[in-house]
Amino acid sequence: MTNKRVTLSVDAKVYDEYKKYCEEKGIILSKQFELFMRKELKKFKRREHD
C-alpha cells in the first residue's frame, strides 16, 4: 500500500489542541485521520447494503 500526501484546511486552534493531544498520547496525527476515514467508510458501506 502506498501513502498519499494531502493538504487539509482545519481550524488552527482545533489542530493545535488535537496535535498536542496526539503527542501526549504517543499517537501519530496522520494515522488518526486515516483511522477516522476507515471508520466512516465502513459505516457508509454498511448503510449502502441495508
N, C-alpha and C. Protein backbone atom coordinates (compact mmCIF):
# COMPACT_ATOMS: atom_id res chain seq x y z
N MET A 1 0.84 -1.17 0.00
CA MET A 1 0.00 0.00 0.00
C MET A 1 0.89 1.24 0.00
N THR A 2 0.55 2.19 -0.83
CA THR A 2 1.32 3.43 -0.87
C THR A 2 0.60 4.52 -0.09
N ASN A 3 1.36 5.47 0.39
CA ASN A 3 0.79 6.60 1.11
C ASN A 3 0.58 7.76 0.16
N LYS A 4 -0.40 8.57 0.45
CA LYS A 4 -0.70 9.75 -0.35
C LYS A 4 -0.62 10.97 0.56
N ARG A 5 0.09 11.97 0.12
CA ARG A 5 0.17 13.23 0.86
C ARG A 5 -1.06 14.06 0.53
N VAL A 6 -1.65 14.67 1.55
CA VAL A 6 -2.82 15.52 1.35
C VAL A 6 -2.62 16.84 2.09
N THR A 7 -3.32 17.84 1.61
CA THR A 7 -3.32 19.14 2.27
C THR A 7 -4.73 19.40 2.76
N LEU A 8 -4.86 19.73 4.03
CA LEU A 8 -6.17 19.96 4.63
C LEU A 8 -6.21 21.35 5.24
N SER A 9 -7.40 21.91 5.27
CA SER A 9 -7.61 23.17 5.99
C SER A 9 -8.50 22.88 7.18
N VAL A 10 -7.98 23.15 8.37
CA VAL A 10 -8.75 22.95 9.59
C VAL A 10 -8.54 24.17 10.48
N ASP A 11 -9.46 24.36 11.40
CA ASP A 11 -9.34 25.45 12.37
C ASP A 11 -8.01 25.30 13.11
N ALA A 12 -7.22 26.36 13.16
CA ALA A 12 -5.89 26.31 13.74
C ALA A 12 -5.91 25.90 15.21
N LYS A 13 -6.87 26.41 15.97
CA LYS A 13 -6.95 26.08 17.39
C LYS A 13 -7.26 24.60 17.58
N VAL A 14 -8.21 24.09 16.81
CA VAL A 14 -8.56 22.67 16.90
C VAL A 14 -7.36 21.82 16.53
N TYR A 15 -6.68 22.18 15.46
CA TYR A 15 -5.50 21.43 15.02
C TYR A 15 -4.44 21.41 16.12
N ASP A 16 -4.13 22.58 16.66
CA ASP A 16 -3.09 22.66 17.69
C ASP A 16 -3.44 21.83 18.92
N GLU A 17 -4.70 21.91 19.35
CA GLU A 17 -5.13 21.14 20.52
C GLU A 17 -5.06 19.64 20.24
N TYR A 18 -5.53 19.24 19.05
CA TYR A 18 -5.53 17.80 18.74
C TYR A 18 -4.11 17.29 18.54
N LYS A 19 -3.26 18.10 17.95
CA LYS A 19 -1.86 17.71 17.78
C LYS A 19 -1.20 17.49 19.14
N LYS A 20 -1.48 18.40 20.07
CA LYS A 20 -0.92 18.26 21.42
C LYS A 20 -1.46 16.99 22.08
N TYR A 21 -2.76 16.74 21.93
CA TYR A 21 -3.37 15.52 22.48
C TYR A 21 -2.67 14.29 21.93
N CYS A 22 -2.45 14.25 20.62
CA CYS A 22 -1.80 13.10 20.00
C CYS A 22 -0.37 12.93 20.52
N GLU A 23 0.34 14.03 20.65
CA GLU A 23 1.71 13.95 21.16
C GLU A 23 1.74 13.40 22.58
N GLU A 24 0.81 13.86 23.41
CA GLU A 24 0.77 13.40 24.80
C GLU A 24 0.43 11.92 24.89
N LYS A 25 -0.39 11.43 23.96
CA LYS A 25 -0.81 10.02 23.95
C LYS A 25 0.12 9.14 23.13
N GLY A 26 1.11 9.74 22.47
CA GLY A 26 2.02 8.97 21.63
C GLY A 26 1.35 8.47 20.35
N ILE A 27 0.42 9.26 19.86
CA ILE A 27 -0.35 8.89 18.67
C ILE A 27 0.15 9.70 17.48
N ILE A 28 0.19 9.07 16.33
CA ILE A 28 0.58 9.76 15.10
C ILE A 28 -0.66 10.43 14.53
N LEU A 29 -0.61 11.74 14.37
CA LEU A 29 -1.76 12.53 13.92
C LEU A 29 -2.32 12.03 12.58
N SER A 30 -1.47 11.79 11.61
CA SER A 30 -1.94 11.34 10.30
C SER A 30 -2.61 9.97 10.38
N LYS A 31 -2.11 9.11 11.27
CA LYS A 31 -2.72 7.79 11.43
C LYS A 31 -4.12 7.92 12.02
N GLN A 32 -4.32 8.87 12.93
CA GLN A 32 -5.64 9.12 13.49
C GLN A 32 -6.63 9.52 12.40
N PHE A 33 -6.19 10.37 11.49
CA PHE A 33 -7.06 10.80 10.40
C PHE A 33 -7.39 9.61 9.49
N GLU A 34 -6.41 8.78 9.22
CA GLU A 34 -6.64 7.59 8.40
C GLU A 34 -7.64 6.65 9.06
N LEU A 35 -7.50 6.42 10.37
CA LEU A 35 -8.43 5.56 11.09
C LEU A 35 -9.84 6.13 11.06
N PHE A 36 -9.96 7.44 11.20
CA PHE A 36 -11.27 8.08 11.11
C PHE A 36 -11.91 7.82 9.74
N MET A 37 -11.13 7.99 8.69
CA MET A 37 -11.67 7.76 7.33
C MET A 37 -12.09 6.31 7.15
N ARG A 38 -11.31 5.37 7.66
CA ARG A 38 -11.66 3.95 7.55
C ARG A 38 -13.00 3.66 8.25
N LYS A 39 -13.17 4.22 9.46
CA LYS A 39 -14.41 4.01 10.20
C LYS A 39 -15.60 4.59 9.45
N GLU A 40 -15.45 5.77 8.90
CA GLU A 40 -16.53 6.40 8.15
C GLU A 40 -16.89 5.59 6.91
N LEU A 41 -15.89 5.07 6.23
CA LEU A 41 -16.15 4.25 5.05
C LEU A 41 -16.89 2.97 5.41
N LYS A 42 -16.52 2.35 6.54
CA LYS A 42 -17.22 1.14 6.98
C LYS A 42 -18.69 1.45 7.26
N LYS A 43 -18.95 2.58 7.94
CA LYS A 43 -20.34 2.97 8.22
C LYS A 43 -21.10 3.19 6.92
N PHE A 44 -20.49 3.86 5.98
CA PHE A 44 -21.12 4.15 4.70
C PHE A 44 -21.43 2.86 3.95
N LYS A 45 -20.48 1.94 3.92
CA LYS A 45 -20.68 0.68 3.20
C LYS A 45 -21.78 -0.15 3.82
N ARG A 46 -21.86 -0.12 5.17
CA ARG A 46 -22.94 -0.85 5.85
C ARG A 46 -24.29 -0.28 5.47
N ARG A 47 -24.41 1.03 5.47
CA ARG A 47 -25.68 1.68 5.11
C ARG A 47 -26.03 1.44 3.65
N GLU A 48 -25.01 1.38 2.82
CA GLU A 48 -25.21 1.17 1.39
C GLU A 48 -25.83 -0.20 1.12
N HIS A 49 -25.51 -1.20 1.95
CA HIS A 49 -26.01 -2.56 1.75
C HIS A 49 -27.32 -2.84 2.47
N ASP A 50 -27.77 -1.91 3.30
CA ASP A 50 -29.05 -2.10 4.03
C ASP A 50 -30.24 -1.84 3.13
